[in-house]
N, C-alpha and C. Protein backbone atom coordinates (compact mmCIF):
# COMPACT_ATOMS: atom_id res chain seq x y z
N MET A 1 -169.21 -26.04 7.70
CA MET A 1 -170.41 -25.41 7.19
C MET A 1 -170.22 -23.90 7.28
N SER A 2 -170.58 -23.22 6.24
CA SER A 2 -170.38 -21.77 6.23
C SER A 2 -171.41 -21.08 7.11
N GLU A 3 -170.99 -19.95 7.67
CA GLU A 3 -171.90 -19.16 8.50
C GLU A 3 -173.04 -18.62 7.64
N LEU A 4 -172.75 -18.31 6.37
CA LEU A 4 -173.77 -17.80 5.47
C LEU A 4 -174.91 -18.80 5.32
N ALA A 5 -174.57 -20.07 5.16
CA ALA A 5 -175.61 -21.09 4.98
C ALA A 5 -176.51 -21.15 6.21
N ARG A 6 -175.93 -21.06 7.39
CA ARG A 6 -176.74 -21.14 8.60
C ARG A 6 -177.56 -19.87 8.80
N ASP A 7 -177.06 -18.74 8.36
CA ASP A 7 -177.80 -17.50 8.51
C ASP A 7 -179.06 -17.47 7.64
N ASP A 8 -179.09 -18.32 6.61
CA ASP A 8 -180.25 -18.36 5.73
C ASP A 8 -181.45 -19.06 6.37
N VAL A 9 -181.25 -19.76 7.47
CA VAL A 9 -182.34 -20.45 8.14
C VAL A 9 -183.31 -19.41 8.69
N ALA A 10 -184.55 -19.48 8.24
CA ALA A 10 -185.53 -18.46 8.61
C ALA A 10 -186.46 -18.90 9.72
N SER A 11 -186.30 -20.15 10.18
CA SER A 11 -187.23 -20.61 11.20
C SER A 11 -186.62 -21.74 12.02
N LEU A 12 -187.26 -21.97 13.15
CA LEU A 12 -186.95 -23.10 14.01
C LEU A 12 -188.14 -24.04 13.88
N VAL A 13 -187.88 -25.31 13.60
CA VAL A 13 -188.94 -26.29 13.37
C VAL A 13 -188.86 -27.36 14.45
N LEU A 14 -189.94 -27.51 15.21
CA LEU A 14 -189.96 -28.54 16.23
C LEU A 14 -191.35 -29.14 16.34
N THR A 15 -191.41 -30.31 16.93
CA THR A 15 -192.70 -30.98 17.10
C THR A 15 -193.42 -30.40 18.32
N GLN A 16 -194.70 -30.67 18.40
CA GLN A 16 -195.46 -30.24 19.57
C GLN A 16 -194.89 -30.89 20.83
N SER A 17 -194.48 -32.14 20.73
CA SER A 17 -193.88 -32.84 21.87
C SER A 17 -192.59 -32.16 22.33
N GLN A 18 -191.76 -31.74 21.39
CA GLN A 18 -190.51 -31.04 21.74
C GLN A 18 -190.81 -29.68 22.36
N LEU A 19 -191.78 -28.98 21.82
CA LEU A 19 -192.18 -27.69 22.40
C LEU A 19 -192.66 -27.90 23.83
N ASP A 20 -193.48 -28.92 24.04
CA ASP A 20 -193.97 -29.23 25.38
C ASP A 20 -192.82 -29.56 26.33
N GLU A 21 -191.80 -30.26 25.82
CA GLU A 21 -190.64 -30.62 26.64
C GLU A 21 -189.86 -29.37 27.05
N VAL A 22 -189.71 -28.42 26.15
CA VAL A 22 -189.02 -27.16 26.46
C VAL A 22 -189.78 -26.40 27.55
N VAL A 23 -191.09 -26.25 27.37
CA VAL A 23 -191.91 -25.53 28.35
C VAL A 23 -191.88 -26.25 29.69
N ALA A 24 -191.99 -27.57 29.69
CA ALA A 24 -191.98 -28.33 30.94
C ALA A 24 -190.66 -28.17 31.68
N ALA A 25 -189.56 -28.16 30.96
CA ALA A 25 -188.25 -27.96 31.59
C ALA A 25 -188.17 -26.59 32.25
N CYS A 26 -188.73 -25.59 31.60
CA CYS A 26 -188.73 -24.24 32.17
C CYS A 26 -189.63 -24.17 33.41
N LEU A 27 -190.78 -24.81 33.35
CA LEU A 27 -191.69 -24.82 34.50
C LEU A 27 -191.08 -25.55 35.70
N ARG A 28 -190.37 -26.64 35.43
CA ARG A 28 -189.74 -27.40 36.53
C ARG A 28 -188.70 -26.58 37.27
N ALA A 29 -188.10 -25.61 36.61
CA ALA A 29 -187.02 -24.82 37.21
C ALA A 29 -187.52 -23.68 38.10
N VAL A 30 -188.80 -23.33 37.99
CA VAL A 30 -189.35 -22.21 38.77
C VAL A 30 -189.05 -22.43 40.25
N PRO A 31 -188.55 -21.45 40.99
CA PRO A 31 -188.57 -20.02 40.70
C PRO A 31 -187.38 -19.53 39.88
N ASP A 32 -186.40 -20.41 39.57
CA ASP A 32 -185.25 -20.01 38.76
C ASP A 32 -185.61 -20.07 37.28
N GLU A 33 -184.77 -19.44 36.46
CA GLU A 33 -184.91 -19.59 35.02
C GLU A 33 -184.52 -21.01 34.66
N GLY A 34 -185.30 -21.61 33.76
CA GLY A 34 -184.95 -22.91 33.22
C GLY A 34 -184.13 -22.72 31.97
N CYS A 35 -183.37 -23.76 31.58
CA CYS A 35 -182.57 -23.62 30.37
C CYS A 35 -182.27 -25.00 29.79
N GLY A 36 -181.77 -24.99 28.57
CA GLY A 36 -181.41 -26.22 27.91
C GLY A 36 -180.92 -25.94 26.50
N LEU A 37 -180.63 -27.00 25.80
CA LEU A 37 -180.10 -26.91 24.44
C LEU A 37 -181.01 -27.66 23.49
N VAL A 38 -180.98 -27.27 22.22
CA VAL A 38 -181.69 -27.99 21.18
C VAL A 38 -180.68 -28.43 20.13
N ALA A 39 -180.86 -29.63 19.65
CA ALA A 39 -179.97 -30.18 18.63
C ALA A 39 -180.80 -30.55 17.42
N GLY A 40 -180.15 -30.47 16.27
CA GLY A 40 -180.84 -30.82 15.03
C GLY A 40 -179.99 -30.53 13.83
N ASP A 41 -180.66 -30.14 12.76
CA ASP A 41 -180.00 -29.87 11.49
C ASP A 41 -179.73 -28.38 11.36
N PRO A 42 -178.47 -27.97 11.34
CA PRO A 42 -178.16 -26.54 11.27
C PRO A 42 -178.57 -25.90 9.94
N MET A 43 -178.74 -26.68 8.91
CA MET A 43 -179.12 -26.13 7.61
C MET A 43 -180.61 -25.83 7.51
N THR A 44 -181.44 -26.62 8.19
CA THR A 44 -182.89 -26.47 8.06
C THR A 44 -183.55 -25.91 9.31
N GLY A 45 -182.85 -25.95 10.45
CA GLY A 45 -183.45 -25.50 11.70
C GLY A 45 -184.40 -26.51 12.30
N VAL A 46 -184.40 -27.74 11.79
CA VAL A 46 -185.28 -28.79 12.31
C VAL A 46 -184.65 -29.39 13.57
N VAL A 47 -185.40 -29.33 14.66
CA VAL A 47 -184.93 -29.86 15.95
C VAL A 47 -185.15 -31.36 15.98
N ARG A 48 -184.12 -32.08 16.38
CA ARG A 48 -184.24 -33.53 16.52
C ARG A 48 -184.27 -33.95 17.98
N ARG A 49 -183.70 -33.11 18.87
CA ARG A 49 -183.63 -33.49 20.28
C ARG A 49 -183.57 -32.25 21.16
N VAL A 50 -184.22 -32.34 22.30
CA VAL A 50 -184.22 -31.28 23.31
C VAL A 50 -183.43 -31.80 24.51
N TYR A 51 -182.53 -30.97 25.03
CA TYR A 51 -181.71 -31.33 26.19
C TYR A 51 -181.95 -30.34 27.33
N PRO A 52 -182.87 -30.63 28.24
CA PRO A 52 -182.99 -29.76 29.42
C PRO A 52 -181.67 -29.83 30.20
N THR A 53 -181.23 -28.70 30.73
CA THR A 53 -179.98 -28.65 31.49
C THR A 53 -180.22 -27.94 32.81
N ARG A 54 -179.27 -28.06 33.69
CA ARG A 54 -179.34 -27.33 34.95
C ARG A 54 -178.91 -25.89 34.71
N ASN A 55 -179.52 -24.97 35.43
CA ASN A 55 -179.12 -23.56 35.41
C ASN A 55 -178.05 -23.40 36.48
N ALA A 56 -176.79 -23.37 36.06
CA ALA A 56 -175.68 -23.28 37.01
C ALA A 56 -175.70 -21.96 37.78
N ALA A 57 -176.39 -20.95 37.25
CA ALA A 57 -176.47 -19.66 37.95
C ALA A 57 -177.45 -19.72 39.11
N GLY A 58 -178.40 -20.66 39.08
CA GLY A 58 -179.37 -20.79 40.16
C GLY A 58 -180.10 -19.49 40.43
N SER A 59 -180.60 -18.85 39.36
CA SER A 59 -181.16 -17.50 39.47
C SER A 59 -182.49 -17.40 38.74
N SER A 60 -183.34 -16.50 39.23
CA SER A 60 -184.60 -16.21 38.54
C SER A 60 -184.42 -15.08 37.52
N ARG A 61 -183.23 -14.54 37.39
CA ARG A 61 -182.98 -13.41 36.49
C ARG A 61 -181.98 -13.71 35.37
N VAL A 62 -181.12 -14.70 35.56
CA VAL A 62 -180.13 -15.06 34.54
C VAL A 62 -179.99 -16.58 34.50
N TYR A 63 -179.40 -17.06 33.42
CA TYR A 63 -179.15 -18.49 33.32
C TYR A 63 -177.73 -18.74 32.82
N THR A 64 -177.21 -19.88 33.23
CA THR A 64 -175.95 -20.40 32.71
C THR A 64 -176.15 -21.89 32.52
N VAL A 65 -176.05 -22.35 31.28
CA VAL A 65 -176.17 -23.78 31.02
C VAL A 65 -175.02 -24.48 31.74
N ASP A 66 -175.36 -25.48 32.55
CA ASP A 66 -174.34 -26.23 33.28
C ASP A 66 -173.33 -26.80 32.28
N PRO A 67 -172.03 -26.53 32.49
CA PRO A 67 -171.01 -26.98 31.52
C PRO A 67 -170.99 -28.49 31.28
N LEU A 68 -171.18 -29.29 32.33
CA LEU A 68 -171.19 -30.74 32.15
C LEU A 68 -172.41 -31.18 31.34
N ASP A 69 -173.57 -30.60 31.62
CA ASP A 69 -174.77 -30.90 30.83
C ASP A 69 -174.56 -30.50 29.37
N HIS A 70 -173.90 -29.37 29.15
CA HIS A 70 -173.63 -28.90 27.78
C HIS A 70 -172.73 -29.91 27.05
N LEU A 71 -171.68 -30.36 27.72
CA LEU A 71 -170.77 -31.33 27.12
C LEU A 71 -171.50 -32.63 26.77
N ARG A 72 -172.33 -33.10 27.69
CA ARG A 72 -173.09 -34.34 27.44
C ARG A 72 -174.03 -34.17 26.24
N ALA A 73 -174.69 -33.02 26.15
CA ALA A 73 -175.60 -32.78 25.03
C ALA A 73 -174.83 -32.73 23.72
N GLU A 74 -173.69 -32.04 23.71
CA GLU A 74 -172.86 -31.96 22.49
C GLU A 74 -172.45 -33.35 22.03
N ARG A 75 -171.99 -34.15 22.95
CA ARG A 75 -171.53 -35.51 22.61
C ARG A 75 -172.67 -36.38 22.10
N ASP A 76 -173.82 -36.32 22.77
CA ASP A 76 -174.97 -37.11 22.36
C ASP A 76 -175.47 -36.68 20.98
N ALA A 77 -175.54 -35.36 20.78
CA ALA A 77 -176.00 -34.85 19.48
C ALA A 77 -175.06 -35.32 18.36
N GLU A 78 -173.77 -35.17 18.57
CA GLU A 78 -172.80 -35.60 17.56
C GLU A 78 -172.90 -37.09 17.28
N ALA A 79 -173.10 -37.89 18.33
CA ALA A 79 -173.20 -39.34 18.17
C ALA A 79 -174.42 -39.73 17.34
N SER A 80 -175.45 -38.88 17.36
CA SER A 80 -176.66 -39.19 16.59
C SER A 80 -176.71 -38.43 15.27
N GLY A 81 -175.59 -37.81 14.88
CA GLY A 81 -175.53 -37.13 13.59
C GLY A 81 -176.14 -35.73 13.58
N SER A 82 -176.35 -35.16 14.74
CA SER A 82 -176.91 -33.81 14.84
C SER A 82 -175.85 -32.86 15.39
N SER A 83 -176.26 -31.61 15.51
CA SER A 83 -175.43 -30.58 16.13
C SER A 83 -176.29 -29.79 17.09
N VAL A 84 -175.67 -29.24 18.12
CA VAL A 84 -176.41 -28.29 18.96
C VAL A 84 -176.61 -27.05 18.10
N ILE A 85 -177.88 -26.67 17.93
CA ILE A 85 -178.21 -25.53 17.06
C ILE A 85 -178.83 -24.37 17.82
N GLY A 86 -178.96 -24.53 19.14
CA GLY A 86 -179.54 -23.43 19.89
C GLY A 86 -179.68 -23.70 21.36
N VAL A 87 -180.15 -22.68 22.04
CA VAL A 87 -180.33 -22.72 23.48
C VAL A 87 -181.72 -22.18 23.80
N PHE A 88 -182.32 -22.70 24.86
CA PHE A 88 -183.58 -22.13 25.33
C PHE A 88 -183.44 -21.77 26.79
N HIS A 89 -184.22 -20.78 27.19
CA HIS A 89 -184.30 -20.44 28.61
C HIS A 89 -185.61 -19.71 28.86
N SER A 90 -185.96 -19.62 30.13
CA SER A 90 -187.22 -18.96 30.48
C SER A 90 -186.97 -17.58 31.05
N HIS A 91 -187.98 -16.75 30.88
CA HIS A 91 -188.06 -15.48 31.58
C HIS A 91 -189.22 -15.64 32.55
N THR A 92 -188.92 -15.62 33.83
CA THR A 92 -189.95 -15.89 34.83
C THR A 92 -190.87 -14.70 35.07
N HIS A 93 -190.41 -13.49 34.75
CA HIS A 93 -191.20 -12.29 35.07
C HIS A 93 -191.36 -11.33 33.90
N THR A 94 -190.82 -11.66 32.74
CA THR A 94 -190.86 -10.73 31.61
C THR A 94 -191.31 -11.44 30.33
N ASP A 95 -191.52 -10.64 29.30
CA ASP A 95 -191.95 -11.17 28.01
C ASP A 95 -190.83 -11.98 27.36
N PRO A 96 -191.18 -12.80 26.34
CA PRO A 96 -190.18 -13.63 25.68
C PRO A 96 -189.38 -12.83 24.63
N TYR A 97 -188.56 -11.92 25.12
CA TYR A 97 -187.69 -11.12 24.26
C TYR A 97 -186.32 -11.06 24.92
N PRO A 98 -185.25 -11.17 24.14
CA PRO A 98 -183.91 -11.18 24.74
C PRO A 98 -183.61 -9.93 25.56
N SER A 99 -183.14 -10.14 26.77
CA SER A 99 -182.72 -9.04 27.64
C SER A 99 -181.35 -8.56 27.18
N PRO A 100 -180.90 -7.41 27.65
CA PRO A 100 -179.53 -6.98 27.31
C PRO A 100 -178.49 -8.02 27.72
N THR A 101 -178.71 -8.69 28.85
CA THR A 101 -177.78 -9.75 29.27
C THR A 101 -177.80 -10.90 28.28
N ASP A 102 -179.00 -11.30 27.81
CA ASP A 102 -179.10 -12.37 26.82
C ASP A 102 -178.32 -12.02 25.55
N VAL A 103 -178.46 -10.79 25.11
CA VAL A 103 -177.77 -10.34 23.89
C VAL A 103 -176.26 -10.35 24.10
N ASP A 104 -175.81 -9.82 25.22
CA ASP A 104 -174.37 -9.76 25.52
C ASP A 104 -173.75 -11.15 25.64
N GLN A 105 -174.52 -12.12 26.12
CA GLN A 105 -173.98 -13.45 26.37
C GLN A 105 -174.30 -14.45 25.27
N ALA A 106 -174.87 -14.01 24.16
CA ALA A 106 -175.19 -14.93 23.06
C ALA A 106 -173.89 -15.51 22.49
N PRO A 107 -173.62 -16.81 22.71
CA PRO A 107 -172.31 -17.36 22.35
C PRO A 107 -172.08 -17.64 20.88
N ASP A 108 -173.13 -17.77 20.08
CA ASP A 108 -172.93 -18.20 18.70
C ASP A 108 -173.95 -17.49 17.80
N PRO A 109 -173.49 -16.70 16.85
CA PRO A 109 -174.44 -15.96 16.00
C PRO A 109 -175.26 -16.85 15.07
N THR A 110 -174.91 -18.13 14.96
CA THR A 110 -175.68 -19.02 14.10
C THR A 110 -176.73 -19.82 14.86
N TRP A 111 -176.76 -19.68 16.18
CA TRP A 111 -177.71 -20.43 17.00
C TRP A 111 -179.09 -19.81 16.99
N HIS A 112 -180.06 -20.64 17.37
CA HIS A 112 -181.43 -20.21 17.63
C HIS A 112 -181.52 -19.95 19.13
N TYR A 113 -182.05 -18.79 19.50
CA TYR A 113 -182.20 -18.41 20.91
C TYR A 113 -183.69 -18.41 21.23
N VAL A 114 -184.11 -19.44 21.96
CA VAL A 114 -185.53 -19.66 22.26
C VAL A 114 -185.80 -19.16 23.68
N ILE A 115 -186.83 -18.34 23.81
CA ILE A 115 -187.19 -17.80 25.12
C ILE A 115 -188.64 -18.16 25.42
N VAL A 116 -188.84 -18.71 26.61
CA VAL A 116 -190.17 -19.07 27.09
C VAL A 116 -190.53 -18.10 28.21
N SER A 117 -191.60 -17.34 28.01
CA SER A 117 -192.06 -16.45 29.07
C SER A 117 -193.05 -17.18 29.96
N LEU A 118 -192.80 -17.08 31.26
CA LEU A 118 -193.71 -17.67 32.25
C LEU A 118 -194.43 -16.58 33.02
N ARG A 119 -194.41 -15.37 32.48
CA ARG A 119 -195.00 -14.21 33.15
C ARG A 119 -196.51 -14.35 33.32
N LEU A 120 -197.18 -14.89 32.32
CA LEU A 120 -198.63 -15.07 32.37
C LEU A 120 -198.96 -16.54 32.66
N GLU A 121 -200.23 -16.82 32.86
CA GLU A 121 -200.64 -18.20 33.18
C GLU A 121 -200.25 -19.18 32.09
N ALA A 122 -200.44 -18.79 30.82
CA ALA A 122 -200.04 -19.65 29.70
C ALA A 122 -198.65 -19.24 29.24
N ALA A 123 -197.74 -20.20 29.17
CA ALA A 123 -196.39 -19.92 28.70
C ALA A 123 -196.42 -19.50 27.23
N SER A 124 -195.51 -18.60 26.86
CA SER A 124 -195.38 -18.23 25.45
C SER A 124 -193.93 -18.38 25.03
N LEU A 125 -193.72 -18.83 23.80
CA LEU A 125 -192.39 -19.16 23.30
C LEU A 125 -192.13 -18.40 22.02
N ARG A 126 -190.92 -17.82 21.92
CA ARG A 126 -190.49 -17.15 20.69
C ARG A 126 -189.01 -17.50 20.47
N SER A 127 -188.57 -17.36 19.22
CA SER A 127 -187.18 -17.69 18.89
C SER A 127 -186.54 -16.54 18.12
N TYR A 128 -185.23 -16.40 18.32
CA TYR A 128 -184.49 -15.28 17.74
C TYR A 128 -183.14 -15.75 17.24
N ARG A 129 -182.57 -14.94 16.36
CA ARG A 129 -181.16 -15.04 16.00
C ARG A 129 -180.52 -13.78 16.58
N ILE A 130 -179.33 -13.92 17.16
CA ILE A 130 -178.63 -12.78 17.75
C ILE A 130 -177.22 -12.79 17.19
N ALA A 131 -176.90 -11.75 16.45
CA ALA A 131 -175.57 -11.64 15.83
C ALA A 131 -175.09 -10.20 15.91
N GLY A 132 -173.93 -10.02 16.47
CA GLY A 132 -173.37 -8.67 16.57
C GLY A 132 -174.25 -7.71 17.34
N GLY A 133 -174.97 -8.21 18.32
CA GLY A 133 -175.85 -7.37 19.12
C GLY A 133 -177.20 -7.08 18.49
N VAL A 134 -177.41 -7.59 17.29
CA VAL A 134 -178.68 -7.38 16.58
C VAL A 134 -179.59 -8.59 16.81
N VAL A 135 -180.81 -8.32 17.28
CA VAL A 135 -181.79 -9.36 17.57
C VAL A 135 -182.80 -9.41 16.43
N THR A 136 -182.98 -10.60 15.86
CA THR A 136 -183.95 -10.79 14.77
C THR A 136 -184.87 -11.95 15.15
N GLU A 137 -186.16 -11.68 15.24
CA GLU A 137 -187.10 -12.76 15.53
C GLU A 137 -187.24 -13.65 14.32
N GLU A 138 -187.40 -14.95 14.57
CA GLU A 138 -187.62 -15.91 13.50
C GLU A 138 -188.91 -16.67 13.77
N ALA A 139 -189.44 -17.26 12.73
CA ALA A 139 -190.66 -18.05 12.86
C ALA A 139 -190.38 -19.32 13.65
N VAL A 140 -191.36 -19.75 14.43
CA VAL A 140 -191.32 -21.05 15.09
C VAL A 140 -192.41 -21.88 14.45
N VAL A 141 -192.00 -22.97 13.81
CA VAL A 141 -192.93 -23.86 13.11
C VAL A 141 -193.10 -25.11 13.96
N VAL A 142 -194.35 -25.39 14.35
CA VAL A 142 -194.64 -26.56 15.19
C VAL A 142 -195.34 -27.59 14.32
N THR A 143 -194.76 -28.80 14.27
CA THR A 143 -195.31 -29.88 13.47
C THR A 143 -195.92 -30.93 14.39
N ASP A 144 -196.67 -31.84 13.80
CA ASP A 144 -197.30 -32.92 14.59
C ASP A 144 -196.33 -34.01 14.93
């Protein structure tokens, strides 16, 4: 699949249940940052599965998706005809915007980078594309 085709995706599409699963995974990780992967259709940005993972960094300031959890998610997604199309993590004390560390460590310019802020009582979620150090917010579409 060409990188150009994936760059045309203007939004991340997930169900309310999937959004709830992402937020719940982040809340379960407190006081550390929570993290996980999302799998789906790379052409449309439609999420088919959420994979909460362990934060191997064990930190409230940074995250590292556990490599074994990542491998399991990749294999499961491929077996079901999907691809890992992004990563999510929480910011326990800041707004849902990529930190300089998030930007520096963004592994794939075609991925969706979802950040859940737990700074306020109600969690807030936003999604971005990060390519060449440039952060671009994208729409998050929640379906029933």
